[in-house]
């Protein structure tokens, strides 16, 4: 079994009247360690375009419903680059990405260029009846559904808790 050690650090001296200095790592909980024990299925950090079809299940699907039967820790970063060549900066406000369930029915997170998210994705039962299944993960890019701007590059990975 492999292990992840997530750490979050937030610092600022000018966001309010008090300075922020926060560093968090998991302590206690089910594992009673500072790490998360993970197993397959998982995907190492990789870069894809928001209109890619890495699983053969449709553009933007990163985690299928059937894979997501346990808590899965997900990392996604909007690289701020157009997918057309992978090097040209995208539009700072129009070219956001939205993370939603694999069916594209429930939006969860919106990322602007340079932003990232690391979160535990809720498990599902692996079925897909179209009405009740909220599992899996899909990235819709370039402001799809909000003006149809260009598709962009993201970086992502996921790991399943044992």
N, C-alpha and C. Protein backbone atom coordinates (compact mmCIF):
# COMPACT_ATOMS: atom_id res chain seq x y z
N UNK A 1 0.83 -1.18 0.00
CA UNK A 1 0.00 0.00 0.00
C UNK A 1 0.87 1.24 0.00
N UNK A 2 0.38 2.24 -0.69
CA UNK A 2 1.10 3.51 -0.78
C UNK A 2 0.52 4.50 0.22
N UNK A 3 1.24 5.61 0.41
CA UNK A 3 0.79 6.62 1.36
C UNK A 3 0.90 8.01 0.75
N UNK A 4 -0.07 8.87 1.04
CA UNK A 4 -0.05 10.28 0.69
C UNK A 4 0.06 11.08 1.97
N UNK A 5 0.84 12.15 1.94
CA UNK A 5 0.91 13.06 3.08
C UNK A 5 0.45 14.44 2.61
N UNK A 6 -0.84 14.74 2.75
CA UNK A 6 -1.32 16.07 2.34
C UNK A 6 -0.98 17.12 3.37
N UNK A 7 -0.56 18.29 2.89
CA UNK A 7 -0.26 19.43 3.75
C UNK A 7 -0.81 20.68 3.08
N UNK A 8 -1.43 21.54 3.85
CA UNK A 8 -1.95 22.81 3.34
C UNK A 8 -1.34 23.92 4.16
N UNK A 9 -0.80 24.94 3.49
CA UNK A 9 -0.25 26.11 4.18
C UNK A 9 -0.87 27.36 3.58
N UNK A 10 -1.44 28.19 4.42
CA UNK A 10 -2.01 29.47 4.00
C UNK A 10 -1.33 30.57 4.81
N UNK A 11 -0.76 31.55 4.12
CA UNK A 11 -0.13 32.68 4.80
C UNK A 11 -0.51 33.98 4.11
N UNK A 12 -0.68 35.02 4.87
CA UNK A 12 -0.94 36.35 4.34
C UNK A 12 -0.75 37.36 5.46
N UNK A 13 -0.29 38.54 5.09
CA UNK A 13 -0.16 39.60 6.08
C UNK A 13 -1.08 40.77 5.77
N UNK A 14 -1.84 40.68 4.66
CA UNK A 14 -2.64 41.84 4.28
C UNK A 14 -4.07 41.51 3.85
N UNK A 15 -4.61 40.37 4.23
CA UNK A 15 -5.99 40.05 3.86
C UNK A 15 -7.00 40.51 4.90
N UNK A 16 -6.54 40.89 6.04
CA UNK A 16 -7.43 41.36 7.10
C UNK A 16 -6.62 42.06 8.17
N UNK A 17 -7.26 42.33 9.30
CA UNK A 17 -6.56 43.04 10.37
C UNK A 17 -5.54 42.15 11.08
N UNK A 18 -5.71 40.82 11.01
CA UNK A 18 -4.76 39.88 11.60
C UNK A 18 -4.05 39.10 10.50
N UNK A 19 -2.79 38.80 10.72
CA UNK A 19 -2.02 37.98 9.77
C UNK A 19 -2.54 36.54 9.80
N UNK A 20 -2.44 35.87 8.69
CA UNK A 20 -2.82 34.47 8.59
C UNK A 20 -1.56 33.63 8.49
N UNK A 21 -1.45 32.63 9.31
CA UNK A 21 -0.37 31.66 9.21
C UNK A 21 -0.94 30.32 9.66
N UNK A 22 -1.37 29.53 8.69
CA UNK A 22 -2.05 28.28 8.97
C UNK A 22 -1.38 27.16 8.20
N UNK A 23 -1.03 26.11 8.90
CA UNK A 23 -0.47 24.92 8.26
C UNK A 23 -1.19 23.71 8.84
N UNK A 24 -1.75 22.88 7.97
CA UNK A 24 -2.56 21.76 8.41
C UNK A 24 -2.09 20.46 7.77
N UNK A 25 -1.91 19.44 8.57
CA UNK A 25 -1.69 18.07 8.09
C UNK A 25 -2.64 17.20 8.89
N UNK A 26 -3.12 16.08 8.32
CA UNK A 26 -4.06 15.25 9.06
C UNK A 26 -3.41 14.60 10.28
N UNK A 27 -4.12 14.62 11.39
CA UNK A 27 -3.67 13.95 12.62
C UNK A 27 -4.89 13.28 13.21
N UNK A 28 -4.74 12.03 13.61
CA UNK A 28 -5.87 11.31 14.18
C UNK A 28 -6.77 10.79 13.08
N UNK A 29 -8.03 10.67 13.35
CA UNK A 29 -8.97 10.17 12.37
C UNK A 29 -8.82 8.68 12.19
N UNK A 30 -9.42 8.13 11.13
CA UNK A 30 -9.43 6.68 10.93
C UNK A 30 -8.03 6.07 10.84
N UNK A 31 -7.08 6.77 10.24
CA UNK A 31 -5.74 6.23 10.10
C UNK A 31 -4.85 6.52 11.30
N UNK A 32 -5.18 7.52 12.09
CA UNK A 32 -4.38 7.94 13.24
C UNK A 32 -2.92 8.16 12.87
N UNK A 33 -2.68 8.69 11.69
CA UNK A 33 -1.34 8.99 11.19
C UNK A 33 -1.35 10.35 10.51
N UNK A 34 -0.21 10.80 10.06
CA UNK A 34 -0.15 12.04 9.29
C UNK A 34 -0.18 11.74 7.80
N UNK A 35 -0.62 10.56 7.42
CA UNK A 35 -0.69 10.21 6.01
C UNK A 35 -2.00 9.47 5.74
N UNK A 36 -2.32 9.35 4.46
CA UNK A 36 -3.50 8.63 4.01
C UNK A 36 -3.01 7.39 3.28
N UNK A 37 -3.46 6.23 3.67
CA UNK A 37 -3.09 4.98 2.99
C UNK A 37 -3.99 4.82 1.77
N UNK A 38 -3.36 4.60 0.61
CA UNK A 38 -4.11 4.53 -0.65
C UNK A 38 -3.79 3.24 -1.40
N UNK A 39 -4.66 2.90 -2.33
CA UNK A 39 -4.53 1.69 -3.14
C UNK A 39 -5.05 1.98 -4.54
N UNK A 40 -5.04 0.99 -5.40
CA UNK A 40 -5.65 1.12 -6.72
C UNK A 40 -7.16 1.14 -6.56
N UNK A 41 -7.88 1.82 -7.42
CA UNK A 41 -7.39 2.54 -8.59
C UNK A 41 -6.82 3.91 -8.21
N UNK A 42 -5.83 4.30 -8.97
CA UNK A 42 -5.23 5.61 -8.80
C UNK A 42 -4.68 6.06 -10.14
N UNK A 43 -4.36 7.33 -10.24
CA UNK A 43 -3.76 7.88 -11.45
C UNK A 43 -2.70 8.88 -11.01
N UNK A 44 -1.48 8.67 -11.44
CA UNK A 44 -0.42 9.61 -11.12
C UNK A 44 -0.67 10.95 -11.79
N UNK A 45 0.04 11.97 -11.37
CA UNK A 45 -0.13 13.30 -11.94
C UNK A 45 0.12 13.27 -13.44
N UNK A 46 -0.85 13.77 -14.18
CA UNK A 46 -0.73 13.83 -15.64
C UNK A 46 -1.39 15.10 -16.14
N UNK A 47 -1.04 15.50 -17.35
CA UNK A 47 -1.63 16.69 -17.97
C UNK A 47 -2.52 16.26 -19.13
N UNK A 48 -3.71 16.87 -19.19
CA UNK A 48 -4.64 16.61 -20.28
C UNK A 48 -5.35 17.91 -20.64
N UNK A 49 -5.94 17.93 -21.82
CA UNK A 49 -6.78 19.05 -22.23
C UNK A 49 -8.21 18.76 -21.78
N UNK A 50 -8.97 19.81 -21.55
CA UNK A 50 -10.34 19.63 -21.08
C UNK A 50 -11.24 18.96 -22.11
N UNK A 51 -10.82 18.92 -23.37
CA UNK A 51 -11.61 18.21 -24.38
C UNK A 51 -11.02 16.84 -24.72
N UNK A 52 -10.00 16.37 -23.97
CA UNK A 52 -9.46 15.02 -24.16
C UNK A 52 -10.44 13.99 -23.64
N UNK A 53 -10.24 12.75 -24.06
CA UNK A 53 -11.09 11.63 -23.66
C UNK A 53 -10.19 10.52 -23.12
N UNK A 54 -9.53 10.73 -21.95
CA UNK A 54 -8.52 9.80 -21.48
C UNK A 54 -9.03 8.40 -21.15
N UNK A 55 -10.31 8.25 -20.82
CA UNK A 55 -10.86 6.94 -20.45
C UNK A 55 -11.70 6.31 -21.56
N UNK A 56 -11.93 7.05 -22.63
CA UNK A 56 -12.79 6.55 -23.70
C UNK A 56 -14.27 6.58 -23.33
N UNK A 57 -14.61 7.41 -22.34
CA UNK A 57 -16.00 7.48 -21.86
C UNK A 57 -16.66 8.81 -22.20
N UNK A 58 -15.95 9.66 -22.91
CA UNK A 58 -16.45 10.98 -23.24
C UNK A 58 -15.46 12.05 -22.83
N UNK A 59 -15.51 13.18 -23.52
CA UNK A 59 -14.57 14.27 -23.27
C UNK A 59 -14.65 14.75 -21.84
N UNK A 60 -13.49 14.88 -21.20
CA UNK A 60 -13.40 15.46 -19.88
C UNK A 60 -13.62 14.52 -18.70
N UNK A 61 -14.05 13.28 -18.94
CA UNK A 61 -14.28 12.37 -17.81
C UNK A 61 -12.93 11.88 -17.30
N UNK A 62 -12.65 12.18 -16.02
CA UNK A 62 -11.38 11.82 -15.40
C UNK A 62 -11.50 10.59 -14.50
N UNK A 63 -12.67 10.41 -13.86
CA UNK A 63 -12.93 9.26 -13.00
C UNK A 63 -14.32 8.75 -13.33
N UNK A 64 -14.42 7.48 -13.69
CA UNK A 64 -15.70 6.87 -14.03
C UNK A 64 -16.50 6.55 -12.78
N UNK A 65 -17.81 6.52 -12.91
CA UNK A 65 -18.69 6.16 -11.78
C UNK A 65 -18.26 4.85 -11.15
N UNK A 66 -17.95 3.85 -11.97
CA UNK A 66 -17.64 2.51 -11.49
C UNK A 66 -16.36 2.46 -10.66
N UNK A 67 -15.43 3.37 -10.92
CA UNK A 67 -14.15 3.40 -10.21
C UNK A 67 -14.30 4.03 -8.84
N UNK A 68 -15.28 4.89 -8.69
CA UNK A 68 -15.43 5.75 -7.53
C UNK A 68 -16.29 5.12 -6.43
N UNK A 69 -16.00 3.85 -6.05
CA UNK A 69 -16.81 3.18 -5.03
C UNK A 69 -16.24 3.33 -3.62
N UNK A 70 -15.08 3.96 -3.49
CA UNK A 70 -14.49 4.31 -2.19
C UNK A 70 -14.11 5.78 -2.24
N UNK A 71 -13.77 6.37 -1.09
CA UNK A 71 -13.33 7.76 -1.09
C UNK A 71 -12.06 7.89 -1.91
N UNK A 72 -12.09 8.82 -2.84
CA UNK A 72 -10.97 9.07 -3.74
C UNK A 72 -10.47 10.49 -3.52
N UNK A 73 -9.18 10.64 -3.28
CA UNK A 73 -8.58 11.97 -3.12
C UNK A 73 -8.13 12.46 -4.48
N UNK A 74 -8.57 13.66 -4.85
CA UNK A 74 -8.36 14.18 -6.19
C UNK A 74 -7.58 15.49 -6.13
N UNK A 75 -6.62 15.62 -7.04
CA UNK A 75 -5.87 16.87 -7.24
C UNK A 75 -6.14 17.33 -8.67
N UNK A 76 -6.56 18.59 -8.85
CA UNK A 76 -6.75 19.17 -10.18
C UNK A 76 -6.20 20.58 -10.16
N UNK A 77 -5.40 20.91 -11.16
CA UNK A 77 -4.87 22.27 -11.30
C UNK A 77 -5.13 22.77 -12.70
N UNK A 78 -5.65 24.00 -12.79
CA UNK A 78 -5.86 24.69 -14.07
C UNK A 78 -4.51 25.30 -14.43
N UNK A 79 -3.89 24.83 -15.51
CA UNK A 79 -2.54 25.28 -15.86
C UNK A 79 -2.50 26.65 -16.52
N UNK A 80 -3.64 27.19 -16.92
CA UNK A 80 -3.67 28.52 -17.52
C UNK A 80 -3.16 28.55 -18.94
N UNK A 81 -3.20 27.40 -19.63
CA UNK A 81 -2.69 27.30 -21.01
C UNK A 81 -3.78 26.77 -21.93
N UNK A 82 -3.80 27.28 -23.16
CA UNK A 82 -4.76 26.79 -24.15
C UNK A 82 -4.41 25.37 -24.57
N UNK A 83 -5.42 24.55 -24.81
CA UNK A 83 -5.16 23.17 -25.23
C UNK A 83 -4.72 23.10 -26.69
N UNK A 84 -4.95 24.15 -27.46
CA UNK A 84 -4.60 24.13 -28.88
C UNK A 84 -3.13 23.88 -29.12
N UNK A 85 -2.26 24.41 -28.22
CA UNK A 85 -0.82 24.14 -28.38
C UNK A 85 -0.13 23.87 -27.04
N UNK A 86 -0.81 24.05 -25.93
CA UNK A 86 -0.25 23.75 -24.62
C UNK A 86 0.77 24.75 -24.11
N UNK A 87 0.98 25.85 -24.83
CA UNK A 87 1.97 26.85 -24.39
C UNK A 87 1.42 28.28 -24.33
N UNK A 88 0.35 28.56 -25.07
CA UNK A 88 -0.21 29.90 -25.11
C UNK A 88 -1.09 30.14 -23.88
N UNK A 89 -0.86 31.25 -23.16
CA UNK A 89 -1.72 31.54 -22.00
C UNK A 89 -3.17 31.71 -22.42
N UNK A 90 -4.08 31.24 -21.56
CA UNK A 90 -5.50 31.37 -21.85
C UNK A 90 -6.02 32.70 -21.30
N UNK A 91 -7.27 33.01 -21.61
CA UNK A 91 -7.92 34.23 -21.12
C UNK A 91 -8.10 34.11 -19.61
N UNK A 92 -7.76 35.16 -18.88
CA UNK A 92 -7.72 35.10 -17.42
C UNK A 92 -9.08 34.88 -16.76
N UNK A 93 -10.17 35.33 -17.37
CA UNK A 93 -11.47 35.16 -16.71
C UNK A 93 -12.43 34.27 -17.48
N UNK A 94 -12.35 34.25 -18.80
CA UNK A 94 -13.30 33.46 -19.60
C UNK A 94 -12.97 31.98 -19.63
N UNK A 95 -11.71 31.62 -19.52
CA UNK A 95 -11.28 30.23 -19.71
C UNK A 95 -11.13 29.48 -18.39
N UNK A 96 -12.20 29.45 -17.61
CA UNK A 96 -12.21 28.70 -16.35
C UNK A 96 -12.59 27.24 -16.63
N UNK A 97 -12.41 26.38 -15.65
CA UNK A 97 -12.87 25.00 -15.75
C UNK A 97 -13.84 24.73 -14.60
N UNK A 98 -14.76 23.83 -14.85
CA UNK A 98 -15.74 23.42 -13.85
C UNK A 98 -15.58 21.92 -13.63
N UNK A 99 -15.48 21.50 -12.37
CA UNK A 99 -15.46 20.09 -12.02
C UNK A 99 -16.87 19.69 -11.64
N UNK A 100 -17.34 18.60 -12.23
CA UNK A 100 -18.70 18.13 -11.97
C UNK A 100 -18.69 16.60 -11.90
N UNK A 101 -19.85 16.01 -11.61
CA UNK A 101 -19.92 14.55 -11.61
C UNK A 101 -19.73 14.04 -13.05
N UNK A 102 -19.46 12.75 -13.21
CA UNK A 102 -19.13 12.20 -14.52
C UNK A 102 -20.24 12.38 -15.55
N UNK A 103 -21.48 12.48 -15.09
CA UNK A 103 -22.60 12.69 -16.01
C UNK A 103 -22.78 14.16 -16.39
N UNK A 104 -22.02 15.05 -15.75
CA UNK A 104 -22.11 16.48 -16.05
C UNK A 104 -23.34 17.15 -15.50
N UNK A 105 -24.00 16.52 -14.51
CA UNK A 105 -25.25 17.04 -13.99
C UNK A 105 -25.09 17.95 -12.77
N UNK A 106 -24.00 17.77 -12.00
CA UNK A 106 -23.85 18.51 -10.75
C UNK A 106 -22.48 19.18 -10.71
N UNK A 107 -22.45 20.52 -10.84
CA UNK A 107 -21.20 21.27 -10.75
C UNK A 107 -20.75 21.32 -9.29
N UNK A 108 -19.43 21.16 -9.08
CA UNK A 108 -18.89 21.16 -7.72
C UNK A 108 -17.88 22.27 -7.49
N UNK A 109 -16.95 22.46 -8.43
CA UNK A 109 -15.83 23.37 -8.21
C UNK A 109 -15.55 24.14 -9.50
N UNK A 110 -15.23 25.42 -9.37
CA UNK A 110 -14.83 26.25 -10.51
C UNK A 110 -13.40 26.72 -10.27
N UNK A 111 -12.52 26.50 -11.26
CA UNK A 111 -11.12 26.90 -11.15
C UNK A 111 -10.77 27.90 -12.24
N UNK A 112 -10.19 29.03 -11.84
CA UNK A 112 -9.65 30.00 -12.78
C UNK A 112 -8.20 29.61 -13.07
N UNK A 113 -7.57 30.18 -14.10
CA UNK A 113 -6.18 29.86 -14.42
C UNK A 113 -5.27 29.99 -13.20
N UNK A 114 -4.44 28.95 -12.97
CA UNK A 114 -3.49 28.92 -11.88
C UNK A 114 -4.05 28.36 -10.58
N UNK A 115 -5.37 28.23 -10.46
CA UNK A 115 -5.97 27.71 -9.24
C UNK A 115 -5.95 26.18 -9.23
N UNK A 116 -5.99 25.61 -8.03
CA UNK A 116 -6.00 24.15 -7.90
C UNK A 116 -6.95 23.74 -6.79
N UNK A 117 -7.25 22.45 -6.77
CA UNK A 117 -8.08 21.89 -5.70
C UNK A 117 -7.54 20.51 -5.34
N UNK A 118 -7.59 20.19 -4.05
CA UNK A 118 -7.30 18.85 -3.55
C UNK A 118 -8.44 18.52 -2.61
N UNK A 119 -9.18 17.46 -2.90
CA UNK A 119 -10.38 17.19 -2.12
C UNK A 119 -10.71 15.70 -2.14
N UNK A 120 -11.45 15.24 -1.12
CA UNK A 120 -11.95 13.87 -1.12
C UNK A 120 -13.27 13.83 -1.89
N UNK A 121 -13.31 13.04 -2.95
CA UNK A 121 -14.51 12.88 -3.76
C UNK A 121 -15.40 11.84 -3.11
N UNK A 122 -16.64 12.16 -2.94
CA UNK A 122 -17.60 11.25 -2.30
C UNK A 122 -17.71 9.97 -3.13
N UNK A 123 -17.74 8.84 -2.43
CA UNK A 123 -17.88 7.56 -3.12
C UNK A 123 -19.30 7.40 -3.67
N UNK A 124 -19.43 6.48 -4.62
CA UNK A 124 -20.75 6.14 -5.17
C UNK A 124 -20.85 4.63 -5.26
N UNK A 125 -22.02 4.12 -5.64
CA UNK A 125 -22.20 2.67 -5.64
C UNK A 125 -21.83 2.01 -6.96
N UNK A 126 -21.40 2.79 -7.95
CA UNK A 126 -20.97 2.23 -9.21
C UNK A 126 -22.07 2.08 -10.23
N UNK A 127 -23.31 2.31 -9.85
CA UNK A 127 -24.41 2.24 -10.81
C UNK A 127 -24.55 3.59 -11.49
N UNK A 128 -25.30 3.61 -12.55
CA UNK A 128 -25.52 4.87 -13.25
C UNK A 128 -26.92 4.85 -13.83
N UNK A 129 -27.90 5.24 -13.02
CA UNK A 129 -29.27 5.22 -13.50
C UNK A 129 -29.70 6.55 -14.10
N UNK A 130 -28.79 7.52 -14.13
CA UNK A 130 -29.09 8.80 -14.77
C UNK A 130 -29.84 9.78 -13.89
N UNK A 131 -30.51 9.29 -12.85
CA UNK A 131 -31.28 10.18 -12.01
C UNK A 131 -30.68 10.34 -10.61
N UNK A 132 -30.08 9.28 -10.09
CA UNK A 132 -29.63 9.30 -8.71
C UNK A 132 -28.13 9.21 -8.52
N UNK A 133 -27.37 8.86 -9.54
CA UNK A 133 -25.94 8.65 -9.37
C UNK A 133 -25.18 9.95 -9.51
N UNK A 134 -24.41 10.29 -8.49
CA UNK A 134 -23.65 11.54 -8.53
C UNK A 134 -22.15 11.27 -8.60
N UNK A 135 -21.75 10.05 -8.90
CA UNK A 135 -20.35 9.65 -8.80
C UNK A 135 -19.49 10.07 -9.98
N UNK A 136 -18.21 9.76 -9.84
CA UNK A 136 -17.23 10.06 -10.87
C UNK A 136 -16.85 11.53 -10.89
N UNK A 137 -16.00 11.87 -11.86
CA UNK A 137 -15.54 13.26 -11.97
C UNK A 137 -15.30 13.60 -13.43
N UNK A 138 -15.79 14.76 -13.82
CA UNK A 138 -15.62 15.27 -15.18
C UNK A 138 -15.14 16.70 -15.08
N UNK A 139 -14.28 17.10 -16.01
CA UNK A 139 -13.85 18.49 -16.09
C UNK A 139 -14.42 19.07 -17.37
N UNK A 140 -15.11 20.18 -17.23
CA UNK A 140 -15.64 20.90 -18.38
C UNK A 140 -14.83 22.18 -18.48
N UNK A 141 -14.21 22.40 -19.61
CA UNK A 141 -13.24 23.48 -19.68
C UNK A 141 -13.60 24.60 -20.61
N UNK A 142 -12.82 25.65 -20.45
CA UNK A 142 -12.97 26.80 -21.33
C UNK A 142 -14.27 27.52 -21.17
N UNK A 143 -14.88 27.43 -20.01
CA UNK A 143 -16.15 28.11 -19.81
C UNK A 143 -17.27 27.44 -20.56
N UNK A 144 -17.16 26.13 -20.82
CA UNK A 144 -18.22 25.40 -21.51
C UNK A 144 -19.51 25.63 -20.76
N UNK A 145 -20.56 25.98 -21.47
CA UNK A 145 -21.83 26.25 -20.84
C UNK A 145 -21.95 27.70 -20.37
N UNK A 146 -20.87 28.43 -20.50
CA UNK A 146 -20.91 29.84 -20.07
C UNK A 146 -20.22 30.71 -21.12
N UNK A 147 -20.49 30.47 -22.37
CA UNK A 147 -19.93 31.30 -23.42
C UNK A 147 -19.07 30.54 -24.41
N UNK A 148 -18.72 29.29 -24.10
CA UNK A 148 -18.00 28.46 -25.05
C UNK A 148 -16.61 28.94 -25.40
N UNK A 149 -15.86 29.44 -24.44
CA UNK A 149 -14.49 29.87 -24.69
C UNK A 149 -13.61 28.67 -25.01
N UNK A 150 -12.32 28.87 -25.20
CA UNK A 150 -11.39 27.82 -25.61
C UNK A 150 -11.17 26.76 -24.53
N UNK A 151 -10.84 25.54 -24.98
CA UNK A 151 -10.47 24.48 -24.04
C UNK A 151 -9.05 24.73 -23.54
N UNK A 152 -8.77 24.25 -22.32
CA UNK A 152 -7.50 24.55 -21.66
C UNK A 152 -6.84 23.27 -21.16
N UNK A 153 -5.61 23.42 -20.66
CA UNK A 153 -4.86 22.30 -20.10
C UNK A 153 -5.04 22.25 -18.59
N UNK A 154 -5.16 21.02 -18.07
CA UNK A 154 -5.19 20.83 -16.62
C UNK A 154 -4.16 19.77 -16.25
N UNK A 155 -3.88 19.71 -14.98
CA UNK A 155 -3.02 18.68 -14.41
C UNK A 155 -3.89 18.00 -13.35
N UNK A 156 -3.87 16.64 -13.31
CA UNK A 156 -4.69 15.98 -12.30
C UNK A 156 -4.09 14.64 -11.90
N UNK A 157 -4.56 14.16 -10.77
CA UNK A 157 -4.21 12.84 -10.27
C UNK A 157 -5.25 12.45 -9.25
N UNK A 158 -5.36 11.14 -8.97
CA UNK A 158 -6.29 10.71 -7.92
C UNK A 158 -5.77 9.43 -7.27
N UNK A 159 -6.18 9.26 -6.01
CA UNK A 159 -5.74 8.13 -5.20
C UNK A 159 -6.91 7.66 -4.35
N UNK A 160 -7.11 6.36 -4.26
CA UNK A 160 -8.25 5.78 -3.54
C UNK A 160 -7.83 5.35 -2.15
N UNK A 161 -8.60 5.77 -1.14
CA UNK A 161 -8.31 5.39 0.24
C UNK A 161 -8.60 3.91 0.43
N UNK A 162 -7.74 3.23 1.21
CA UNK A 162 -7.95 1.80 1.48
C UNK A 162 -9.12 1.62 2.42
